[in-house]
Amino acid sequence: MPAAGINRYHVIQMSAESRISRLARLYQIGIEACQQQDDYRVTKVLFLLHKKLDKQANAALAASLTKIYKHLLHCNQQGNFEEIKATLQSLQRSWLTSQR
């Protein structure tokens, strides 16, 4: 995957998946960006995660995730990729578990 972030292939691939699978894939892209210490890609992933929140379906969950994503953006500015990675891994596991 190019350093610029999420490419056209990923967008097309994600459009064919279930909503939770797309979300898990986006978390995975963020985790990989953390491993590469790619602050641009981390920012892009966090922005997309925030943009995809469904505030109508569950306002409380959306508010909690907004706080988490804002905190992770702050961590990204500080270069704290380990905390971001751990949090994204935890969120990814939670969503995949909820799908079962």
C-alpha atoms as a PDB file:
ATOM      1  CA  MET A   1       0.000   0.000   0.000  1.00  0.00           C
ATOM      2  CA  PRO A   2       1.402   3.421  -0.879  1.00  0.00           C
ATOM      3  CA  ALA A   3       2.400   5.809   1.888  1.00  0.00           C
ATOM      4  CA  ALA A   4      -0.361   8.199   0.827  1.00  0.00           C
ATOM      5  CA  GLY A   5      -2.879   6.043   2.643  1.00  0.00           C
ATOM      6  CA  ILE A   6      -6.000   4.287   1.575  1.00  0.00           C
ATOM      7  CA  ASN A   7      -5.843   3.693  -2.156  1.00  0.00           C
ATOM      8  CA  ARG A   8      -8.576   3.082  -4.712  1.00  0.00           C
ATOM      9  CA  TYR A   9      -8.226  -0.704  -4.393  1.00  0.00           C
ATOM     10  CA  HIS A  10      -9.025  -0.558  -0.676  1.00  0.00           C
ATOM     11  CA  VAL A  11     -12.026   1.691  -1.293  1.00  0.00           C
ATOM     12  CA  ILE A  12     -13.457  -0.713  -3.886  1.00  0.00           C
ATOM     13  CA  GLN A  13     -12.714  -3.751  -1.724  1.00  0.00           C
ATOM     14  CA  MET A  14     -14.311  -2.146   1.336  1.00  0.00           C
ATOM     15  CA  SER A  15     -17.493  -1.218  -0.559  1.00  0.00           C
ATOM     16  CA  ALA A  16     -18.242  -4.931  -1.118  1.00  0.00           C
ATOM     17  CA  GLU A  17     -17.927  -5.881   2.568  1.00  0.00           C
ATOM     18  CA  SER A  18     -20.370  -5.719   5.468  1.00  0.00           C
ATOM     19  CA  ARG A  19     -20.366  -2.571   7.569  1.00  0.00           C
ATOM     20  CA  ILE A  20     -18.518  -4.180  10.488  1.00  0.00           C
ATOM     21  CA  SER A  21     -16.019  -5.848   8.144  1.00  0.00           C
ATOM     22  CA  ARG A  22     -15.317  -2.438   6.582  1.00  0.00           C
ATOM     23  CA  LEU A  23     -14.872  -0.949  10.018  1.00  0.00           C
ATOM     24  CA  ALA A  24     -12.506  -3.759  11.053  1.00  0.00           C
ATOM     25  CA  ARG A  25     -10.503  -3.273   7.854  1.00  0.00           C
ATOM     26  CA  LEU A  26     -10.231   0.458   8.535  1.00  0.00           C
ATOM     27  CA  TYR A  27      -8.975  -0.303  12.054  1.00  0.00           C
ATOM     28  CA  GLN A  28      -6.435  -2.706  10.517  1.00  0.00           C
ATOM     29  CA  ILE A  29      -5.184  -0.007   8.153  1.00  0.00           C
ATOM     30  CA  GLY A  30      -4.765   2.271  11.175  1.00  0.00           C
ATOM     31  CA  ILE A  31      -2.895  -0.439  13.093  1.00  0.00           C
ATOM     32  CA  GLU A  32      -0.543  -0.946  10.159  1.00  0.00           C
ATOM     33  CA  ALA A  33      -0.022   2.817   9.894  1.00  0.00           C
ATOM     34  CA  CYS A  34       0.954   2.858  13.583  1.00  0.00           C
ATOM     35  CA  GLN A  35       3.450   0.046  13.000  1.00  0.00           C
ATOM     36  CA  GLN A  36       4.989   2.154  10.236  1.00  0.00           C
ATOM     37  CA  GLN A  37       4.724   5.311  12.366  1.00  0.00           C
ATOM     38  CA  ASP A  38       2.879   7.001   9.505  1.00  0.00           C
ATOM     39  CA  ASP A  39       1.182   9.927  11.220  1.00  0.00           C
ATOM     40  CA  TYR A  40      -0.513  11.079   8.002  1.00  0.00           C
ATOM     41  CA  ARG A  41      -2.231   7.722   7.466  1.00  0.00           C
ATOM     42  CA  VAL A  42      -3.157   7.462  11.151  1.00  0.00           C
ATOM     43  CA  THR A  43      -4.800  10.895  10.948  1.00  0.00           C
ATOM     44  CA  LYS A  44      -6.659   9.912   7.786  1.00  0.00           C
ATOM     45  CA  VAL A  45      -7.945   6.675   9.336  1.00  0.00           C
ATOM     46  CA  LEU A  46      -9.092   8.440  12.525  1.00  0.00           C
ATOM     47  CA  PHE A  47     -10.854  11.083  10.438  1.00  0.00           C
ATOM     48  CA  LEU A  48     -12.639   8.391   8.411  1.00  0.00           C
ATOM     49  CA  LEU A  49     -13.611   6.466  11.542  1.00  0.00           C
ATOM     50  CA  HIS A  50     -15.099   9.620  13.030  1.00  0.00           C
ATOM     51  CA  LYS A  51     -16.872  10.493   9.800  1.00  0.00           C
ATOM     52  CA  LYS A  52     -18.487   7.028   9.654  1.00  0.00           C
ATOM     53  CA  LEU A  53     -20.063   7.306  13.124  1.00  0.00           C
ATOM     54  CA  ASP A  54     -23.838   6.907  13.026  1.00  0.00           C
ATOM     55  CA  LYS A  55     -24.982   9.472  15.560  1.00  0.00           C
ATOM     56  CA  GLN A  56     -28.631   8.729  14.782  1.00  0.00           C
ATOM     57  CA  ALA A  57     -28.446   5.012  15.552  1.00  0.00           C
ATOM     58  CA  ASN A  58     -26.593   5.281  18.867  1.00  0.00           C
ATOM     59  CA  ALA A  59     -25.775   8.778  20.091  1.00  0.00           C
ATOM     60  CA  ALA A  60     -24.088   7.586  23.297  1.00  0.00           C
ATOM     61  CA  LEU A  61     -21.767   5.197  21.464  1.00  0.00           C
ATOM     62  CA  ALA A  62     -20.965   7.849  18.858  1.00  0.00           C
ATOM     63  CA  ALA A  63     -20.122  10.349  21.613  1.00  0.00           C
ATOM     64  CA  SER A  64     -17.836   7.850  23.360  1.00  0.00           C
ATOM     65  CA  LEU A  65     -16.047   6.938  20.138  1.00  0.00           C
ATOM     66  CA  THR A  66     -15.681  10.629  19.255  1.00  0.00           C
ATOM     67  CA  LYS A  67     -13.849  11.176  22.556  1.00  0.00           C
ATOM     68  CA  ILE A  68     -11.623   8.176  21.895  1.00  0.00           C
ATOM     69  CA  TYR A  69     -10.798   9.279  18.342  1.00  0.00           C
ATOM     70  CA  LYS A  70     -10.008  12.827  19.520  1.00  0.00           C
ATOM     71  CA  HIS A  71      -7.715  11.409  22.196  1.00  0.00           C
ATOM     72  CA  LEU A  72      -6.006   9.236  19.584  1.00  0.00           C
ATOM     73  CA  LEU A  73      -5.493  12.275  17.360  1.00  0.00           C
ATOM     74  CA  HIS A  74      -3.749  13.942  20.289  1.00  0.00           C
ATOM     75  CA  CYS A  75      -1.627  10.805  20.779  1.00  0.00           C
ATOM     76  CA  ASN A  76      -0.753  10.925  17.094  1.00  0.00           C
ATOM     77  CA  GLN A  77       0.464  14.513  17.444  1.00  0.00           C
ATOM     78  CA  GLN A  78       2.667  13.316  20.317  1.00  0.00           C
ATOM     79  CA  GLY A  79       3.977  10.376  18.282  1.00  0.00           C
ATOM     80  CA  ASN A  80       2.464   7.851  20.689  1.00  0.00           C
ATOM     81  CA  PHE A  81       1.811   5.153  18.092  1.00  0.00           C
ATOM     82  CA  GLU A  82       1.824   2.322  20.639  1.00  0.00           C
ATOM     83  CA  GLU A  83      -1.207   3.701  22.492  1.00  0.00           C
ATOM     84  CA  ILE A  84      -3.046   4.332  19.239  1.00  0.00           C
ATOM     85  CA  LYS A  85      -2.240   0.835  17.989  1.00  0.00           C
ATOM     86  CA  ALA A  86      -3.373  -0.816  21.234  1.00  0.00           C
ATOM     87  CA  THR A  87      -6.623   1.148  21.275  1.00  0.00           C
ATOM     88  CA  LEU A  88      -7.392   0.410  17.620  1.00  0.00           C
ATOM     89  CA  GLN A  89      -6.682  -3.295  18.211  1.00  0.00           C
ATOM     90  CA  SER A  90      -9.037  -3.316  21.190  1.00  0.00           C
ATOM     91  CA  LEU A  91     -11.790  -1.542  19.241  1.00  0.00           C
ATOM     92  CA  GLN A  92     -11.312  -3.875  16.288  1.00  0.00           C
ATOM     93  CA  ARG A  93     -11.653  -6.941  18.533  1.00  0.00           C
ATOM     94  CA  SER A  94     -14.776  -5.498  20.145  1.00  0.00           C
ATOM     95  CA  TRP A  95     -16.498  -4.870  16.822  1.00  0.00           C
ATOM     96  CA  LEU A  96     -15.567  -8.286  15.421  1.00  0.00           C
ATOM     97  CA  THR A  97     -16.818  -9.957  18.622  1.00  0.00           C
ATOM     98  CA  SER A  98     -20.111  -8.065  18.390  1.00  0.00           C
ATOM     99  CA  GLN A  99     -20.592  -9.380  14.847  1.00  0.00           C
ATOM    100  CA  ARG A 100     -20.730 -12.999  16.034  1.00  0.00           C
END
